[in-house]
Protein backbone atom coordinates (compact mmCIF):
# COMPACT_ATOMS: atom_id res chain seq x y z
CA UNK A 1 28.40 33.95 21.66
CA UNK A 2 31.31 34.14 19.26
CA UNK A 3 34.18 31.74 18.82
CA UNK A 4 37.24 32.30 16.67
CA UNK A 5 37.19 30.01 13.68
CA UNK A 6 40.53 28.19 13.59
CA UNK A 7 40.16 27.01 10.02
CA UNK A 8 41.40 27.92 6.56
CA UNK A 9 39.69 30.90 4.95
CA UNK A 10 36.22 30.44 3.47
CA UNK A 11 35.37 31.88 0.02
CA UNK A 12 38.77 33.57 -0.07
CA UNK A 13 38.04 35.70 3.00
CA UNK A 14 40.38 35.93 6.01
CA UNK A 15 39.62 33.87 9.14
CA UNK A 16 36.63 35.42 10.85
CA UNK A 17 34.43 35.11 13.89
CA UNK A 18 31.70 32.54 13.42
CA UNK A 19 28.50 32.99 15.39
CA UNK A 20 27.50 29.91 17.40
CA UNK A 21 24.15 29.29 19.06
CA UNK A 22 22.88 27.19 21.95
CA UNK A 23 20.61 24.24 21.14
CA UNK A 24 17.43 26.08 22.27
CA UNK A 25 18.39 29.00 20.02
CA UNK A 26 18.91 26.66 17.07
CA UNK A 27 15.49 25.10 17.72
CA UNK A 28 13.85 28.52 17.90
CA UNK A 29 15.50 29.62 14.63
CA UNK A 30 13.94 26.56 12.94
CA UNK A 31 10.52 26.96 14.57
CA UNK A 32 9.78 30.64 14.24
CA UNK A 33 9.54 30.53 10.41
CA UNK A 34 6.87 27.82 10.89
CA UNK A 35 5.01 29.97 13.40
CA UNK A 36 5.17 32.99 11.12
CA UNK A 37 3.95 30.92 8.16
CA UNK A 38 1.09 29.46 10.19
CA UNK A 39 0.12 32.82 11.65
CA UNK A 40 -0.16 34.54 8.28
CA UNK A 41 -2.12 31.71 6.64
CA UNK A 42 -4.47 31.36 9.64
CA UNK A 43 -5.06 35.12 9.64
CA UNK A 44 -5.96 34.96 5.94
CA UNK A 45 -8.57 32.24 6.59
CA UNK A 46 -10.01 34.10 9.59
CA UNK A 47 -10.29 37.38 7.73
CA UNK A 48 -11.85 35.47 4.83
CA UNK A 49 -14.61 34.18 7.10
CA UNK A 50 -15.22 37.65 8.53
CA UNK A 51 -15.17 39.26 5.09
CA UNK A 52 -17.63 36.74 3.66
CA UNK A 53 -19.93 37.20 6.64
CA UNK A 54 -19.90 41.00 6.29
CA UNK A 55 -20.47 40.76 2.54
CA UNK A 56 -23.37 38.33 2.98
CA UNK A 57 -24.96 40.23 5.87
CA UNK A 58 -27.29 42.44 3.75
CA UNK A 59 -28.57 39.35 1.90
CA UNK A 60 -29.07 37.56 5.21
CA UNK A 61 -31.02 40.49 6.67
CA UNK A 62 -33.19 40.72 3.57
CA UNK A 63 -33.82 36.97 3.65
CA UNK A 64 -34.84 37.21 7.32
CA UNK A 65 -37.26 40.04 6.59
CA UNK A 66 -38.81 38.04 3.76
CA UNK A 67 -39.09 34.96 5.99
CA UNK A 68 -36.61 33.03 3.87
CA UNK A 69 -33.33 31.31 4.69
CA UNK A 70 -29.96 32.38 3.35
CA UNK A 71 -28.50 30.15 0.69
CA UNK A 72 -25.57 28.45 2.47
CA UNK A 73 -23.97 27.57 -0.84
CA UNK A 74 -23.68 31.25 -1.71
CA UNK A 75 -21.98 31.95 1.62
CA UNK A 76 -19.56 29.05 1.14
CA UNK A 77 -18.54 30.32 -2.30
CA UNK A 78 -18.09 33.84 -0.93
CA UNK A 79 -15.95 32.51 1.90
CA UNK A 80 -13.76 30.46 -0.44
CA UNK A 81 -13.19 33.39 -2.79
CA UNK A 82 -12.34 35.72 0.09
CA UNK A 83 -10.08 33.10 1.70
CA UNK A 84 -8.29 32.38 -1.58
CA UNK A 85 -7.66 36.07 -2.30
CA UNK A 86 -6.34 36.67 1.22
CA UNK A 87 -4.29 33.47 1.07
CA UNK A 88 -2.70 34.73 -2.14
CA UNK A 89 -1.79 37.99 -0.39
CA UNK A 90 -0.39 36.12 2.63
CA UNK A 91 1.67 33.79 0.40
CA UNK A 92 2.98 36.84 -1.48
CA UNK A 93 4.09 38.48 1.79
CA UNK A 94 5.62 35.20 3.02
CA UNK A 95 7.48 34.78 -0.27
CA UNK A 96 8.85 38.32 -0.15
CA UNK A 97 9.98 38.06 3.48
CA UNK A 98 11.61 34.65 3.19
CA UNK A 99 13.12 35.40 -0.23
CA UNK A 100 15.14 38.13 1.46
CA UNK A 101 16.13 35.69 4.21
CA UNK A 102 17.00 33.02 1.61
CA UNK A 103 19.19 35.51 -0.22
CA UNK A 104 21.30 35.97 2.93
CA UNK A 105 21.45 32.23 3.60
CA UNK A 106 22.62 31.43 0.06
CA UNK A 107 25.68 33.63 0.50
CA UNK A 108 26.85 31.40 3.37
CA UNK A 109 26.20 28.05 1.71
CA UNK A 110 28.93 26.03 -0.06
CA UNK A 111 29.24 26.67 -3.79
CA UNK A 112 28.22 23.92 -6.19
CA UNK A 113 28.64 23.27 -9.88
CA UNK A 114 26.36 21.29 -12.22
CA UNK A 115 23.42 22.65 -10.22
CA UNK A 116 21.56 24.54 -12.95
CA UNK A 117 18.14 23.78 -14.36
CA UNK A 118 17.99 21.72 -17.55
CA UNK A 119 15.39 19.80 -19.53
CA UNK A 120 16.28 16.48 -17.86
CA UNK A 121 16.02 17.41 -14.19
CA UNK A 122 12.94 19.63 -14.75
CA UNK A 123 11.10 16.95 -16.76
CA UNK A 124 12.06 14.23 -14.29
CA UNK A 125 10.86 16.32 -11.34
CA UNK A 126 7.51 17.07 -13.01
CA UNK A 127 6.96 13.41 -13.92
CA UNK A 128 7.92 12.23 -10.44
CA UNK A 129 5.55 14.55 -8.60
CA UNK A 130 2.73 14.18 -11.11
CA UNK A 131 3.00 10.45 -10.52
CA UNK A 132 3.11 10.90 -6.75
CA UNK A 133 -0.06 12.99 -6.95
CA UNK A 134 -1.93 10.21 -8.76
CA UNK A 135 -0.52 7.41 -6.58
CA UNK A 136 -1.53 9.23 -3.39
CA UNK A 137 -4.98 10.00 -4.81
CA UNK A 138 -5.49 6.32 -5.64
CA UNK A 139 -4.29 5.14 -2.23
CA UNK A 140 -6.65 7.55 -0.47
CA UNK A 141 -9.48 6.10 -2.56
CA UNK A 142 -8.45 2.51 -1.73
CA UNK A 143 -8.59 3.11 2.03
CA UNK A 144 -11.87 5.09 1.84
CA UNK A 145 -10.31 7.99 3.71
CA UNK A 146 -13.60 9.88 4.22
CA UNK A 147 -14.93 7.10 6.44
CA UNK A 148 -12.00 7.21 8.85
CA UNK A 149 -11.13 10.92 8.58
CA UNK A 150 -14.27 12.96 7.79
CA UNK A 151 -12.38 16.22 8.31
CA UNK A 152 -10.34 15.51 5.18
CA UNK A 153 -13.42 16.44 3.16
CA UNK A 154 -12.81 20.07 4.17
CA UNK A 155 -9.33 19.86 2.63
CA UNK A 156 -10.75 18.47 -0.61
CA UNK A 157 -13.40 21.23 -0.72
CA UNK A 158 -10.58 23.79 -0.51
CA UNK A 159 -9.15 22.27 -3.70
CA UNK A 160 -12.47 22.18 -5.54
CA UNK A 161 -14.38 25.27 -4.30
CA UNK A 162 -13.69 28.83 -5.34
CA UNK A 163 -12.78 30.32 -8.70
CA UNK A 164 -10.43 28.18 -10.79
CA UNK A 165 -8.03 31.06 -11.52
CA UNK A 166 -7.76 31.82 -7.79
CA UNK A 167 -7.06 28.18 -7.00
CA UNK A 168 -4.35 28.04 -9.65
CA UNK A 169 -2.70 31.19 -8.30
CA UNK A 170 -2.98 30.20 -4.62
CA UNK A 171 -2.67 26.40 -4.54
CA UNK A 172 -0.69 25.85 -7.72
CA UNK A 173 1.74 28.79 -7.63
CA UNK A 174 1.62 30.82 -4.41
CA UNK A 175 1.76 27.93 -1.94
CA UNK A 176 4.70 26.10 -3.59
CA UNK A 177 6.82 29.25 -3.76
CA UNK A 178 6.14 30.25 -0.15
CA UNK A 179 6.38 26.76 1.35
CA UNK A 180 9.60 25.81 -0.44
CA UNK A 181 11.30 29.05 0.59
CA UNK A 182 10.27 28.43 4.21
CA UNK A 183 10.78 24.68 4.60
CA UNK A 184 13.51 23.75 2.10
CA UNK A 185 15.24 27.11 1.72
CA UNK A 186 15.33 28.46 5.28
CA UNK A 187 14.44 25.72 7.77
CA UNK A 188 16.25 22.81 6.10
CA UNK A 189 19.46 24.76 5.56
CA UNK A 190 19.39 26.12 9.10
CA UNK A 191 18.95 22.60 10.46
CA UNK A 192 21.85 21.38 8.29
CA UNK A 193 24.14 23.89 9.99
CA UNK A 194 24.04 21.92 13.28
CA UNK A 195 22.75 18.39 12.54
CA UNK A 196 23.36 15.62 9.98
CA UNK A 197 21.68 16.13 6.62
CA UNK A 198 19.45 13.05 6.93
CA UNK A 199 18.15 14.24 10.30
CA UNK A 200 17.51 17.72 8.86
CA UNK A 201 15.58 16.07 6.00
CA UNK A 202 13.33 14.20 8.45
CA UNK A 203 12.81 17.11 10.87
CA UNK A 204 12.01 19.69 8.19
CA UNK A 205 9.67 17.24 6.43
CA UNK A 206 7.80 16.43 9.64
CA UNK A 207 7.40 20.15 10.34
CA UNK A 208 6.12 20.55 6.78
CA UNK A 209 3.54 17.82 7.40
CA UNK A 210 2.45 19.20 10.76
CA UNK A 211 1.87 22.65 9.27
CA UNK A 212 -0.92 21.21 7.09
CA UNK A 213 -3.00 20.64 10.27
CA UNK A 214 -4.68 17.50 8.93
CA UNK A 215 -3.72 13.88 9.59
CA UNK A 216 -4.05 12.59 6.02
CA UNK A 217 -2.57 15.64 4.35
CA UNK A 218 0.14 15.74 7.03
CA UNK A 219 1.21 12.17 6.27
CA UNK A 220 1.56 12.58 2.52
CA UNK A 221 3.00 16.10 2.91
CA UNK A 222 5.72 14.62 5.13
CA UNK A 223 6.52 11.97 2.51
CA UNK A 224 6.53 14.60 -0.24
CA UNK A 225 8.72 16.79 1.95
CA UNK A 226 11.34 14.04 2.20
CA UNK A 227 11.40 13.65 -1.60
CA UNK A 228 11.61 17.43 -2.08
CA UNK A 229 14.55 17.62 0.34
CA UNK A 230 16.33 14.72 -1.37
CA UNK A 231 15.97 16.43 -4.75
CA UNK A 232 17.22 19.70 -3.30
CA UNK A 233 20.27 17.94 -1.83
CA UNK A 234 20.91 16.17 -5.14
CA UNK A 235 20.66 19.26 -7.34
CA UNK A 236 21.34 22.08 -4.82
CA UNK A 237 18.86 24.26 -6.65
CA UNK A 238 15.72 25.47 -4.85
CA UNK A 239 13.87 25.77 -8.15
CA UNK A 240 13.72 21.97 -8.37
CA UNK A 241 11.53 21.46 -5.26
CA UNK A 242 9.47 24.52 -6.23
CA UNK A 243 8.78 23.00 -9.67
CA UNK A 244 7.98 19.59 -8.15
CA UNK A 245 5.64 21.12 -5.59
CA UNK A 246 3.90 23.16 -8.31
CA UNK A 247 3.47 20.05 -10.49
CA UNK A 248 1.87 18.14 -7.61
CA UNK A 249 -0.55 20.94 -6.66
CA UNK A 250 -1.46 22.04 -10.18
CA UNK A 251 -2.23 18.50 -11.31
CA UNK A 252 -4.45 18.05 -8.25
CA UNK A 253 -6.33 21.28 -9.02
CA UNK A 254 -6.77 20.52 -12.72
CA UNK A 255 -7.79 16.90 -12.14
CA UNK A 256 -10.42 17.90 -9.59
CA UNK A 257 -11.74 20.61 -11.94
CA UNK A 258 -12.03 18.19 -14.85
CA UNK A 259 -13.82 15.61 -12.71
CA UNK A 260 -16.17 18.24 -11.27
CA UNK A 261 -17.05 19.84 -14.61
CA UNK A 262 -17.36 16.68 -16.73
CA UNK A 263 -18.61 14.27 -14.08
CA UNK A 264 -15.94 11.87 -15.28
CA UNK A 265 -15.35 8.87 -13.03
CA UNK A 266 -11.85 7.43 -13.17
CA UNK A 267 -11.08 4.04 -11.68
CA UNK A 268 -8.69 4.32 -8.72
CA UNK A 269 -6.64 1.38 -9.97
CA UNK A 270 -6.17 3.09 -13.34
CA UNK A 271 -4.98 6.25 -11.59
CA UNK A 272 -2.59 4.17 -9.48
CA UNK A 273 -1.11 2.47 -12.55
CA UNK A 274 -0.67 5.77 -14.41
CA UNK A 275 0.91 7.36 -11.33
CA UNK A 276 3.26 4.42 -10.79
CA UNK A 277 4.43 4.62 -14.42
CA UNK A 278 5.08 8.37 -14.11
CA UNK A 279 7.01 7.89 -10.85
CA UNK A 280 9.10 5.10 -12.39
CA UNK A 281 9.96 7.14 -15.49
CA UNK A 282 10.84 10.15 -13.31
CA UNK A 283 13.15 8.08 -11.10
CA UNK A 284 14.84 6.47 -14.11
CA UNK A 285 15.55 9.88 -15.64
CA UNK A 286 16.82 11.25 -12.32
CA UNK A 287 19.14 8.30 -11.73
CA UNK A 288 20.35 7.79 -15.27
CA UNK A 289 20.13 11.05 -17.15
CA UNK A 290 20.76 13.88 -14.67
CA UNK A 291 23.91 15.01 -12.92
CA UNK A 292 24.29 15.48 -9.19
CA UNK A 293 25.53 18.88 -8.07
CA UNK A 294 29.20 18.74 -7.13
CA UNK A 295 30.90 20.84 -4.47
CA UNK A 296 32.96 23.49 -6.18
CA UNK A 297 36.51 23.67 -4.88
CA UNK A 298 38.27 26.94 -5.39
CA UNK A 299 41.51 28.40 -4.05
CA UNK A 300 41.09 29.15 -0.34
CA UNK A 301 37.74 27.33 -0.22
CA UNK A 302 37.39 24.45 2.23
CA UNK A 303 34.96 21.51 2.23
CA UNK A 304 32.03 21.81 4.68
CA UNK A 305 33.37 19.08 6.99
CA UNK A 306 36.47 21.18 7.71
CA UNK A 307 34.66 24.41 8.43
CA UNK A 308 34.00 25.83 11.85
CA UNK A 309 30.83 24.15 13.22
CA UNK A 310 27.45 25.84 13.63
CA UNK A 311 28.08 28.67 11.20
CA UNK A 312 25.25 31.18 11.18
CA UNK A 313 22.61 30.72 8.49
């Protein structure tokens, strides 16, 4: 349905028809990117299992003929490598698809100034999320998460199994790009077009947590999602949450690799203290040494609160 926008011109254009949606349509426009994201990632895991099984089948047949058992560790490593490769391909396709969607959405968003990347906001974001990674790791150790949620061990194995380069590409780079485009770029901005910003922050973050399909990971992903949204709203630059997300994931991958290879045991309290210091320094830099993006007023440009409601994103 279309309604005539009785408002001053936007971006110097003449008054135009603004598309308006029903509430169910708005909900669907926020949910289908989640469903598409989940479908592609689930398909990658499923095909990884099938591919590893097919690849291991000759060895399994030979082992059966020799009266031996197949090495399960070999199959697990094959599965992880296949799953990581296919996950990388699925994240690449997600990134391409939603980058095109994000490009259209950006054209309809308000223009901001002071929203570029600089040393201060990049460094602060990296410190903040590196600290969050360590604080969350320490808290999970304090509560002995494996005892209450045994399934979380599968999540940890995904971070530690498979080739290191593949984990860096998939977990450290591919996932942050794809997930930030979907949840902060598309879903959050679409929600902001018909609900208050703080509600959009909560809803998009909860969806982000649910999509991890694990209670523990879902909880801290929701918290991280709120922080990522807040930083995006502060700086109005999608690169900021992408960088923060990458810092969190890469530090997790590298820390697990170092612990696995060296056998190093780090006290959870020490990790918590280091993480808390990093978070504090990051927050101090954000609050005291970075500038908030400011709405850019131009001739014939109106503030968002005076625009026609429910503009299409």
